[in-house]
Amino acid sequence: MDAIAALHNRRSEAALGDPAPGDAVLENIELAALAAADHATLTPWRFLRVRGEARHRLGELFVHAREAAEGPLSTTERERTRNRPLRAPLLIVAIACCRTNTKVPEIEQIISAGAAAQNMLNAAYAQGVGAIWRTGGFAYDAQVKVGLGLSAHEHIVGFLYLGTVTAQRPPRPPRAPEAFFQDWTG
């Protein structure tokens, strides 16, 4: 797919199923992440692939984190929370690994990790893979971060869900650039 067409037409797809992207397609997605804007070449990101049985363990981690924050959950809420990582055959946890650097503030490093995540979404779409970027409370939960092995200086930027689209969403309504861009004349 043409790069400009992919950038103009990409959509988040929430209805995802098997199969997950194959090895060559996944490698392209991963290489796209590594091409993200990166001030001072700090590479302030890393990624965790979660697939197979690891998705069930992530679901249990979500349940424990939620119960630690809210108290015991109903059976329905426990099951709903446990099944969140099962909404796609592959999840990629995008992590900002902020480094101490007086030249590059932490916010720029987090934005770089976000750019890497966006590159992965674009690469997935360009190759016909459905994907959606999710955050929610689990991305900011201390227990989830510890359970995933994050250090104190690391932040979850998002959970990218990838798979085969099972129910495609309608195209995004067009947006007019003039509604968002203006000339600054000083």
N, C-alpha and C. Protein backbone atom coordinates (compact mmCIF):
# COMPACT_ATOMS: atom_id res chain seq x y z
N MET A 1 0.84 -1.18 0.00
CA MET A 1 0.00 0.00 0.00
C MET A 1 0.89 1.24 0.00
N ASP A 2 0.47 2.23 -0.75
CA ASP A 2 1.15 3.51 -0.82
C ASP A 2 1.19 4.16 0.58
N ALA A 3 2.33 4.73 0.94
CA ALA A 3 2.50 5.30 2.28
C ALA A 3 1.50 6.42 2.56
N ILE A 4 1.28 7.31 1.59
CA ILE A 4 0.35 8.42 1.81
C ILE A 4 -1.08 7.90 1.97
N ALA A 5 -1.46 6.92 1.19
CA ALA A 5 -2.80 6.32 1.33
C ALA A 5 -2.95 5.70 2.72
N ALA A 6 -1.92 5.02 3.20
CA ALA A 6 -1.98 4.41 4.53
C ALA A 6 -2.13 5.48 5.61
N LEU A 7 -1.39 6.57 5.48
CA LEU A 7 -1.45 7.63 6.48
C LEU A 7 -2.81 8.34 6.46
N HIS A 8 -3.39 8.50 5.27
CA HIS A 8 -4.68 9.18 5.16
C HIS A 8 -5.86 8.32 5.58
N ASN A 9 -5.74 7.01 5.45
CA ASN A 9 -6.90 6.14 5.62
C ASN A 9 -6.87 5.22 6.82
N ARG A 10 -5.79 5.20 7.59
CA ARG A 10 -5.69 4.28 8.72
C ARG A 10 -6.83 4.47 9.69
N ARG A 11 -7.35 3.36 10.18
CA ARG A 11 -8.43 3.36 11.18
C ARG A 11 -8.06 2.41 12.29
N SER A 12 -8.47 2.73 13.49
CA SER A 12 -8.35 1.77 14.59
C SER A 12 -9.44 0.74 14.41
N GLU A 13 -9.09 -0.52 14.54
CA GLU A 13 -10.04 -1.62 14.39
C GLU A 13 -10.11 -2.38 15.70
N ALA A 14 -11.29 -2.41 16.31
CA ALA A 14 -11.44 -3.05 17.62
C ALA A 14 -11.84 -4.52 17.50
N ALA A 15 -12.47 -4.92 16.41
CA ALA A 15 -12.93 -6.31 16.24
C ALA A 15 -11.81 -7.11 15.58
N LEU A 16 -11.02 -7.79 16.40
CA LEU A 16 -9.83 -8.48 15.91
C LEU A 16 -9.87 -9.95 16.30
N GLY A 17 -9.38 -10.80 15.42
CA GLY A 17 -9.31 -12.22 15.70
C GLY A 17 -8.06 -12.83 15.10
N ASP A 18 -7.99 -14.14 15.12
CA ASP A 18 -6.87 -14.85 14.52
C ASP A 18 -6.96 -14.76 13.00
N PRO A 19 -5.84 -14.85 12.33
CA PRO A 19 -4.50 -15.00 12.89
C PRO A 19 -3.84 -13.67 13.23
N ALA A 20 -2.82 -13.78 14.07
CA ALA A 20 -1.95 -12.64 14.35
C ALA A 20 -1.07 -12.41 13.12
N PRO A 21 -0.43 -11.27 13.04
CA PRO A 21 0.48 -11.05 11.92
C PRO A 21 1.58 -12.11 11.89
N GLY A 22 1.93 -12.56 10.69
CA GLY A 22 3.02 -13.51 10.53
C GLY A 22 4.37 -12.86 10.82
N ASP A 23 5.40 -13.68 10.84
CA ASP A 23 6.73 -13.20 11.22
C ASP A 23 7.24 -12.05 10.36
N ALA A 24 7.13 -12.16 9.03
CA ALA A 24 7.65 -11.11 8.15
C ALA A 24 6.88 -9.81 8.33
N VAL A 25 5.56 -9.91 8.45
CA VAL A 25 4.72 -8.73 8.66
C VAL A 25 5.04 -8.10 10.01
N LEU A 26 5.17 -8.93 11.04
CA LEU A 26 5.49 -8.42 12.37
C LEU A 26 6.86 -7.75 12.38
N GLU A 27 7.81 -8.30 11.68
CA GLU A 27 9.13 -7.66 11.61
C GLU A 27 9.03 -6.28 10.97
N ASN A 28 8.20 -6.12 9.94
CA ASN A 28 8.01 -4.80 9.33
C ASN A 28 7.39 -3.83 10.33
N ILE A 29 6.44 -4.31 11.11
CA ILE A 29 5.81 -3.47 12.14
C ILE A 29 6.85 -3.04 13.17
N GLU A 30 7.69 -3.97 13.59
CA GLU A 30 8.72 -3.67 14.58
C GLU A 30 9.77 -2.71 14.02
N LEU A 31 10.17 -2.90 12.77
CA LEU A 31 11.14 -2.00 12.15
C LEU A 31 10.59 -0.59 12.03
N ALA A 32 9.28 -0.48 11.78
CA ALA A 32 8.65 0.84 11.71
C ALA A 32 8.77 1.57 13.04
N ALA A 33 8.61 0.84 14.14
CA ALA A 33 8.75 1.45 15.47
C ALA A 33 10.14 2.03 15.65
N LEU A 34 11.12 1.31 15.18
CA LEU A 34 12.51 1.72 15.38
C LEU A 34 12.91 2.91 14.52
N ALA A 35 12.03 3.31 13.59
CA ALA A 35 12.29 4.47 12.74
C ALA A 35 11.63 5.74 13.28
N ALA A 36 11.08 5.69 14.47
CA ALA A 36 10.38 6.85 15.03
C ALA A 36 11.34 8.01 15.29
N ALA A 37 10.78 9.21 15.30
CA ALA A 37 11.56 10.40 15.66
C ALA A 37 12.19 10.17 17.04
N ASP A 38 13.46 10.51 17.14
CA ASP A 38 14.22 10.15 18.35
C ASP A 38 15.33 11.16 18.57
N HIS A 39 15.02 12.25 19.29
CA HIS A 39 15.99 13.30 19.56
C HIS A 39 17.21 12.73 20.28
N ALA A 40 18.38 13.01 19.75
CA ALA A 40 19.67 12.58 20.29
C ALA A 40 19.89 11.07 20.24
N THR A 41 19.08 10.39 19.46
CA THR A 41 19.20 8.93 19.28
C THR A 41 19.26 8.20 20.62
N LEU A 42 18.36 8.55 21.51
CA LEU A 42 18.33 7.90 22.83
C LEU A 42 17.64 6.53 22.79
N THR A 43 16.87 6.29 21.75
CA THR A 43 16.01 5.10 21.68
C THR A 43 15.30 4.88 23.02
N PRO A 44 14.43 5.84 23.38
CA PRO A 44 13.80 5.79 24.70
C PRO A 44 12.53 4.93 24.72
N TRP A 45 12.63 3.74 24.15
CA TRP A 45 11.47 2.86 24.12
C TRP A 45 11.91 1.42 24.10
N ARG A 46 10.97 0.58 24.51
CA ARG A 46 11.09 -0.87 24.36
C ARG A 46 9.68 -1.43 24.29
N PHE A 47 9.56 -2.67 23.89
CA PHE A 47 8.25 -3.24 23.61
C PHE A 47 8.18 -4.68 24.12
N LEU A 48 7.02 -5.04 24.62
CA LEU A 48 6.77 -6.42 25.05
C LEU A 48 5.72 -7.02 24.13
N ARG A 49 6.00 -8.18 23.56
CA ARG A 49 5.00 -8.93 22.79
C ARG A 49 4.25 -9.83 23.76
N VAL A 50 2.93 -9.80 23.70
CA VAL A 50 2.10 -10.64 24.57
C VAL A 50 1.20 -11.45 23.65
N ARG A 51 1.40 -12.76 23.65
CA ARG A 51 0.59 -13.63 22.79
C ARG A 51 0.41 -14.98 23.46
N GLY A 52 -0.48 -15.78 22.90
CA GLY A 52 -0.71 -17.11 23.45
C GLY A 52 -1.16 -17.05 24.89
N GLU A 53 -0.62 -17.95 25.70
CA GLU A 53 -0.99 -18.04 27.12
C GLU A 53 -0.60 -16.79 27.91
N ALA A 54 0.37 -16.06 27.44
CA ALA A 54 0.76 -14.83 28.14
C ALA A 54 -0.39 -13.84 28.21
N ARG A 55 -1.32 -13.89 27.24
CA ARG A 55 -2.49 -13.01 27.28
C ARG A 55 -3.37 -13.33 28.49
N HIS A 56 -3.47 -14.62 28.82
CA HIS A 56 -4.25 -15.02 30.01
C HIS A 56 -3.58 -14.52 31.29
N ARG A 57 -2.24 -14.60 31.32
CA ARG A 57 -1.53 -14.12 32.51
C ARG A 57 -1.67 -12.60 32.64
N LEU A 58 -1.67 -11.90 31.51
CA LEU A 58 -1.88 -10.45 31.54
C LEU A 58 -3.29 -10.15 32.06
N GLY A 59 -4.27 -10.92 31.66
CA GLY A 59 -5.63 -10.75 32.16
C GLY A 59 -5.70 -10.93 33.66
N GLU A 60 -4.99 -11.92 34.19
CA GLU A 60 -4.94 -12.11 35.65
C GLU A 60 -4.27 -10.93 36.33
N LEU A 61 -3.23 -10.41 35.73
CA LEU A 61 -2.56 -9.22 36.27
C LEU A 61 -3.54 -8.05 36.31
N PHE A 62 -4.33 -7.88 35.27
CA PHE A 62 -5.34 -6.81 35.24
C PHE A 62 -6.36 -6.99 36.37
N VAL A 63 -6.80 -8.24 36.59
CA VAL A 63 -7.77 -8.50 37.65
C VAL A 63 -7.16 -8.14 39.01
N HIS A 64 -5.93 -8.59 39.28
CA HIS A 64 -5.29 -8.30 40.56
C HIS A 64 -5.10 -6.79 40.76
N ALA A 65 -4.70 -6.10 39.70
CA ALA A 65 -4.50 -4.65 39.81
C ALA A 65 -5.83 -3.95 40.09
N ARG A 66 -6.84 -4.37 39.39
CA ARG A 66 -8.15 -3.73 39.59
C ARG A 66 -8.69 -3.99 40.99
N GLU A 67 -8.54 -5.22 41.48
CA GLU A 67 -9.03 -5.53 42.83
C GLU A 67 -8.21 -4.81 43.89
N ALA A 68 -6.92 -4.63 43.66
CA ALA A 68 -6.11 -3.88 44.61
C ALA A 68 -6.57 -2.43 44.70
N ALA A 69 -7.03 -1.89 43.58
CA ALA A 69 -7.47 -0.50 43.56
C ALA A 69 -8.92 -0.32 44.00
N GLU A 70 -9.78 -1.30 43.68
CA GLU A 70 -11.22 -1.12 43.89
C GLU A 70 -11.83 -2.07 44.91
N GLY A 71 -11.09 -3.08 45.32
CA GLY A 71 -11.66 -4.11 46.19
C GLY A 71 -12.20 -5.25 45.34
N PRO A 72 -12.80 -6.25 45.97
CA PRO A 72 -13.27 -7.42 45.24
C PRO A 72 -14.24 -7.05 44.12
N LEU A 73 -14.06 -7.71 42.97
CA LEU A 73 -14.92 -7.50 41.81
C LEU A 73 -16.00 -8.56 41.76
N SER A 74 -17.09 -8.23 41.13
CA SER A 74 -18.13 -9.24 40.90
C SER A 74 -17.57 -10.28 39.92
N THR A 75 -18.21 -11.42 39.88
CA THR A 75 -17.79 -12.47 38.95
C THR A 75 -17.80 -11.95 37.52
N THR A 76 -18.81 -11.19 37.17
CA THR A 76 -18.92 -10.64 35.82
C THR A 76 -17.77 -9.69 35.52
N GLU A 77 -17.45 -8.80 36.45
CA GLU A 77 -16.37 -7.83 36.23
C GLU A 77 -15.01 -8.51 36.21
N ARG A 78 -14.83 -9.54 37.04
CA ARG A 78 -13.57 -10.30 37.02
C ARG A 78 -13.37 -10.92 35.63
N GLU A 79 -14.40 -11.53 35.11
CA GLU A 79 -14.31 -12.20 33.80
C GLU A 79 -14.09 -11.18 32.69
N ARG A 80 -14.82 -10.08 32.76
CA ARG A 80 -14.66 -9.03 31.75
C ARG A 80 -13.23 -8.47 31.75
N THR A 81 -12.70 -8.23 32.92
CA THR A 81 -11.34 -7.70 33.05
C THR A 81 -10.32 -8.74 32.61
N ARG A 82 -10.51 -9.98 33.02
CA ARG A 82 -9.59 -11.08 32.66
C ARG A 82 -9.52 -11.26 31.14
N ASN A 83 -10.63 -11.01 30.45
CA ASN A 83 -10.69 -11.26 29.01
C ASN A 83 -10.21 -10.10 28.14
N ARG A 84 -9.89 -8.99 28.74
CA ARG A 84 -9.45 -7.84 27.93
C ARG A 84 -8.27 -8.17 27.01
N PRO A 85 -7.25 -8.82 27.49
CA PRO A 85 -6.13 -9.12 26.58
C PRO A 85 -6.46 -10.18 25.52
N LEU A 86 -7.62 -10.80 25.61
CA LEU A 86 -8.00 -11.83 24.64
C LEU A 86 -8.73 -11.22 23.45
N ARG A 87 -8.84 -9.91 23.40
CA ARG A 87 -9.56 -9.25 22.30
C ARG A 87 -8.75 -9.24 21.01
N ALA A 88 -7.53 -9.72 21.04
CA ALA A 88 -6.68 -9.81 19.84
C ALA A 88 -5.66 -10.91 20.08
N PRO A 89 -5.17 -11.53 19.01
CA PRO A 89 -4.19 -12.60 19.19
C PRO A 89 -2.79 -12.12 19.58
N LEU A 90 -2.51 -10.84 19.39
CA LEU A 90 -1.20 -10.29 19.73
C LEU A 90 -1.37 -8.90 20.32
N LEU A 91 -0.71 -8.66 21.43
CA LEU A 91 -0.63 -7.32 22.02
C LEU A 91 0.84 -6.92 22.05
N ILE A 92 1.09 -5.66 21.82
CA ILE A 92 2.43 -5.11 21.99
C ILE A 92 2.31 -3.99 23.01
N VAL A 93 3.05 -4.13 24.10
CA VAL A 93 3.07 -3.09 25.13
C VAL A 93 4.19 -2.13 24.75
N ALA A 94 3.82 -0.88 24.46
CA ALA A 94 4.80 0.14 24.11
C ALA A 94 5.21 0.85 25.39
N ILE A 95 6.51 0.87 25.65
CA ILE A 95 7.04 1.40 26.91
C ILE A 95 8.03 2.51 26.63
N ALA A 96 7.83 3.65 27.28
CA ALA A 96 8.80 4.74 27.22
C ALA A 96 9.84 4.49 28.29
N CYS A 97 11.09 4.41 27.89
CA CYS A 97 12.22 4.19 28.81
C CYS A 97 12.97 5.51 28.93
N CYS A 98 12.50 6.35 29.79
CA CYS A 98 13.08 7.69 29.89
C CYS A 98 14.47 7.64 30.51
N ARG A 99 15.37 8.35 29.88
CA ARG A 99 16.75 8.39 30.33
C ARG A 99 17.06 9.79 30.87
N THR A 100 17.97 9.86 31.80
CA THR A 100 18.38 11.15 32.33
C THR A 100 19.28 11.80 31.30
N ASN A 101 18.82 12.92 30.77
CA ASN A 101 19.56 13.60 29.72
C ASN A 101 19.13 15.06 29.74
N THR A 102 20.07 15.95 30.02
CA THR A 102 19.71 17.36 30.12
C THR A 102 19.31 17.93 28.76
N LYS A 103 19.74 17.31 27.67
CA LYS A 103 19.42 17.82 26.34
C LYS A 103 18.01 17.42 25.91
N VAL A 104 17.55 16.26 26.34
CA VAL A 104 16.25 15.75 25.88
C VAL A 104 15.35 15.54 27.10
N PRO A 105 14.38 16.43 27.30
CA PRO A 105 13.49 16.28 28.46
C PRO A 105 12.64 15.02 28.36
N GLU A 106 12.15 14.58 29.51
CA GLU A 106 11.36 13.36 29.58
C GLU A 106 10.16 13.39 28.64
N ILE A 107 9.48 14.53 28.52
CA ILE A 107 8.30 14.60 27.67
C ILE A 107 8.64 14.25 26.22
N GLU A 108 9.81 14.69 25.75
CA GLU A 108 10.21 14.36 24.37
C GLU A 108 10.45 12.87 24.21
N GLN A 109 10.95 12.23 25.25
CA GLN A 109 11.20 10.79 25.19
C GLN A 109 9.88 10.01 25.19
N ILE A 110 8.91 10.48 25.96
CA ILE A 110 7.60 9.84 25.96
C ILE A 110 6.92 10.04 24.60
N ILE A 111 7.03 11.23 24.05
CA ILE A 111 6.47 11.48 22.72
C ILE A 111 7.14 10.58 21.68
N SER A 112 8.43 10.37 21.79
CA SER A 112 9.13 9.48 20.87
C SER A 112 8.58 8.06 20.96
N ALA A 113 8.31 7.58 22.17
CA ALA A 113 7.72 6.25 22.33
C ALA A 113 6.33 6.23 21.69
N GLY A 114 5.58 7.33 21.83
CA GLY A 114 4.28 7.43 21.18
C GLY A 114 4.40 7.42 19.66
N ALA A 115 5.44 8.08 19.15
CA ALA A 115 5.68 8.07 17.70
C ALA A 115 6.00 6.65 17.22
N ALA A 116 6.74 5.91 18.03
CA ALA A 116 7.05 4.51 17.68
C ALA A 116 5.77 3.68 17.63
N ALA A 117 4.88 3.91 18.61
CA ALA A 117 3.60 3.19 18.62
C ALA A 117 2.77 3.56 17.38
N GLN A 118 2.71 4.83 17.05
CA GLN A 118 1.96 5.26 15.87
C GLN A 118 2.55 4.66 14.60
N ASN A 119 3.88 4.61 14.51
CA ASN A 119 4.50 3.98 13.35
C ASN A 119 4.07 2.52 13.22
N MET A 120 3.96 1.82 14.36
CA MET A 120 3.52 0.43 14.31
C MET A 120 2.09 0.32 13.81
N LEU A 121 1.21 1.22 14.25
CA LEU A 121 -0.17 1.20 13.76
C LEU A 121 -0.22 1.43 12.26
N ASN A 122 0.57 2.40 11.79
CA ASN A 122 0.59 2.69 10.35
C ASN A 122 1.14 1.50 9.55
N ALA A 123 2.19 0.88 10.05
CA ALA A 123 2.78 -0.27 9.36
C ALA A 123 1.81 -1.44 9.35
N ALA A 124 1.09 -1.63 10.44
CA ALA A 124 0.09 -2.70 10.49
C ALA A 124 -0.98 -2.45 9.44
N TYR A 125 -1.53 -1.25 9.41
CA TYR A 125 -2.59 -0.92 8.45
C TYR A 125 -2.10 -1.10 7.01
N ALA A 126 -0.89 -0.62 6.74
CA ALA A 126 -0.35 -0.71 5.38
C ALA A 126 -0.20 -2.15 4.90
N GLN A 127 -0.11 -3.08 5.84
CA GLN A 127 0.05 -4.49 5.49
C GLN A 127 -1.24 -5.29 5.67
N GLY A 128 -2.35 -4.61 5.91
CA GLY A 128 -3.63 -5.28 6.03
C GLY A 128 -3.90 -5.90 7.40
N VAL A 129 -3.16 -5.48 8.41
CA VAL A 129 -3.35 -5.99 9.77
C VAL A 129 -4.22 -5.01 10.54
N GLY A 130 -5.22 -5.51 11.24
CA GLY A 130 -6.05 -4.66 12.07
C GLY A 130 -5.32 -4.34 13.37
N ALA A 131 -5.48 -3.12 13.85
CA ALA A 131 -4.80 -2.71 15.08
C ALA A 131 -5.56 -1.59 15.75
N ILE A 132 -5.42 -1.56 17.08
CA ILE A 132 -5.98 -0.47 17.88
C ILE A 132 -5.04 -0.20 19.05
N TRP A 133 -4.89 1.05 19.40
CA TRP A 133 -4.06 1.50 20.52
C TRP A 133 -4.99 1.73 21.70
N ARG A 134 -4.76 1.02 22.80
CA ARG A 134 -5.58 1.17 23.99
C ARG A 134 -4.68 1.58 25.16
N THR A 135 -5.25 2.38 26.06
CA THR A 135 -4.55 2.70 27.30
C THR A 135 -5.46 2.33 28.45
N GLY A 136 -6.19 3.29 28.97
CA GLY A 136 -7.03 3.02 30.14
C GLY A 136 -6.18 2.99 31.41
N GLY A 137 -6.84 2.73 32.52
CA GLY A 137 -6.17 2.76 33.81
C GLY A 137 -5.03 1.78 33.95
N PHE A 138 -5.09 0.66 33.24
CA PHE A 138 -4.01 -0.33 33.37
C PHE A 138 -2.67 0.20 32.87
N ALA A 139 -2.68 1.13 31.93
CA ALA A 139 -1.43 1.69 31.42
C ALA A 139 -0.72 2.52 32.48
N TYR A 140 -1.47 2.99 33.49
CA TYR A 140 -0.89 3.87 34.50
C TYR A 140 -0.84 3.22 35.88
N ASP A 141 -1.26 1.98 35.96
CA ASP A 141 -1.35 1.28 37.23
C ASP A 141 0.03 0.77 37.68
N ALA A 142 0.43 1.11 38.91
CA ALA A 142 1.74 0.71 39.42
C ALA A 142 1.88 -0.80 39.49
N GLN A 143 0.83 -1.51 39.88
CA GLN A 143 0.90 -2.97 39.98
C GLN A 143 1.07 -3.61 38.60
N VAL A 144 0.42 -3.07 37.59
CA VAL A 144 0.59 -3.59 36.23
C VAL A 144 2.02 -3.34 35.76
N LYS A 145 2.54 -2.15 36.04
CA LYS A 145 3.91 -1.84 35.63
C LYS A 145 4.90 -2.81 36.27
N VAL A 146 4.75 -3.07 37.56
CA VAL A 146 5.63 -4.01 38.25
C VAL A 146 5.46 -5.42 37.66
N GLY A 147 4.22 -5.83 37.44
CA GLY A 147 3.95 -7.15 36.90
C GLY A 147 4.55 -7.37 35.52
N LEU A 148 4.66 -6.29 34.75
CA LEU A 148 5.27 -6.37 33.42
C LEU A 148 6.78 -6.16 33.44
N GLY A 149 7.32 -5.90 34.62
CA GLY A 149 8.77 -5.76 34.73
C GLY A 149 9.30 -4.38 34.40
N LEU A 150 8.48 -3.35 34.50
CA LEU A 150 8.95 -2.01 34.21
C LEU A 150 9.76 -1.45 35.37
N SER A 151 10.72 -0.63 35.04
CA SER A 151 11.52 0.08 36.05
C SER A 151 10.79 1.36 36.44
N ALA A 152 11.27 2.00 37.48
CA ALA A 152 10.64 3.23 37.98
C ALA A 152 10.63 4.34 36.93
N HIS A 153 11.61 4.37 36.05
CA HIS A 153 11.72 5.45 35.06
C HIS A 153 10.97 5.12 33.76
N GLU A 154 10.22 4.01 33.73
CA GLU A 154 9.52 3.60 32.52
C GLU A 154 8.02 3.85 32.64
N HIS A 155 7.39 4.10 31.50
CA HIS A 155 5.96 4.38 31.44
C HIS A 155 5.33 3.58 30.31
N ILE A 156 4.15 3.02 30.55
CA ILE A 156 3.42 2.35 29.47
C ILE A 156 2.75 3.45 28.64
N VAL A 157 3.09 3.48 27.37
CA VAL A 157 2.51 4.44 26.44
C VAL A 157 1.19 3.88 25.90
N GLY A 158 1.12 2.58 25.74
CA GLY A 158 -0.12 1.98 25.27
C GLY A 158 0.02 0.50 25.05
N PHE A 159 -1.15 -0.13 24.93
CA PHE A 159 -1.26 -1.54 24.57
C PHE A 159 -1.77 -1.57 23.13
N LEU A 160 -0.96 -2.06 22.21
CA LEU A 160 -1.40 -2.17 20.82
C LEU A 160 -1.94 -3.57 20.61
N TYR A 161 -3.18 -3.66 20.19
CA TYR A 161 -3.83 -4.94 19.90
C TYR A 161 -3.76 -5.14 18.39
N LEU A 162 -3.26 -6.31 17.96
CA LEU A 162 -3.11 -6.59 16.53
C LEU A 162 -3.72 -7.94 16.18
N GLY A 163 -4.33 -8.00 15.01
CA GLY A 163 -4.90 -9.25 14.53
C GLY A 163 -5.60 -9.04 13.20
N THR A 164 -6.42 -9.99 12.85
CA THR A 164 -7.20 -9.94 11.62
C THR A 164 -8.53 -9.27 11.92
N VAL A 165 -8.90 -8.30 11.09
CA VAL A 165 -10.16 -7.59 11.29
C VAL A 165 -11.31 -8.56 11.05
N THR A 166 -12.22 -8.64 12.03
CA THR A 166 -13.38 -9.53 11.90
C THR A 166 -14.66 -8.75 11.58
N ALA A 167 -14.70 -7.47 11.84
CA ALA A 167 -15.85 -6.61 11.51
C ALA A 167 -15.31 -5.21 11.28
N GLN A 168 -15.11 -4.85 10.02
CA GLN A 168 -14.47 -3.57 9.69
C GLN A 168 -15.37 -2.39 10.02
N ARG A 169 -14.75 -1.36 10.55
CA ARG A 169 -15.46 -0.11 10.85
C ARG A 169 -15.64 0.70 9.58
N PRO A 170 -16.63 1.57 9.55
CA PRO A 170 -16.80 2.43 8.37
C PRO A 170 -15.64 3.42 8.27
N PRO A 171 -15.42 3.96 7.07
CA PRO A 171 -14.35 4.95 6.93
C PRO A 171 -14.58 6.15 7.83
N ARG A 172 -13.51 6.77 8.22
CA ARG A 172 -13.58 7.97 9.06
C ARG A 172 -14.17 9.11 8.22
N PRO A 173 -15.04 9.91 8.80
CA PRO A 173 -15.55 11.08 8.06
C PRO A 173 -14.37 11.99 7.70
N PRO A 174 -14.40 12.60 6.54
CA PRO A 174 -13.28 13.47 6.16
C PRO A 174 -13.17 14.66 7.10
N ARG A 175 -11.95 15.09 7.29
CA ARG A 175 -11.67 16.28 8.10
C ARG A 175 -10.99 17.31 7.21
N ALA A 176 -11.37 18.54 7.37
CA ALA A 176 -10.81 19.62 6.55
C ALA A 176 -9.57 20.19 7.24
N PRO A 177 -8.41 20.15 6.58
CA PRO A 177 -7.19 20.68 7.20
C PRO A 177 -7.34 22.13 7.68
N GLU A 178 -8.11 22.94 6.95
CA GLU A 178 -8.23 24.36 7.33
C GLU A 178 -8.91 24.54 8.69
N ALA A 179 -9.59 23.54 9.17
CA ALA A 179 -10.20 23.62 10.50
C ALA A 179 -9.16 23.45 11.61
N PHE A 180 -7.99 22.93 11.26
CA PHE A 180 -6.98 22.62 12.28
C PHE A 180 -5.66 23.36 12.07
N PHE A 181 -5.42 23.89 10.88
CA PHE A 181 -4.15 24.54 10.55
C PHE A 181 -4.39 26.00 10.19
N GLN A 182 -3.59 26.88 10.80
CA GLN A 182 -3.65 28.30 10.47
C GLN A 182 -2.24 28.82 10.28
N ASP A 183 -2.12 29.85 9.49
CA ASP A 183 -0.82 30.51 9.34
C ASP A 183 -0.61 31.42 10.55
N TRP A 184 0.59 31.42 11.05
CA TRP A 184 0.98 32.36 12.10
C TRP A 184 1.78 33.46 11.44
N THR A 185 1.38 34.68 11.65
CA THR A 185 2.05 35.80 10.97
C THR A 185 2.87 36.67 11.90
N GLY A 186 2.88 36.31 13.18
CA GLY A 186 3.69 37.07 14.12
C GLY A 186 3.01 38.29 14.51
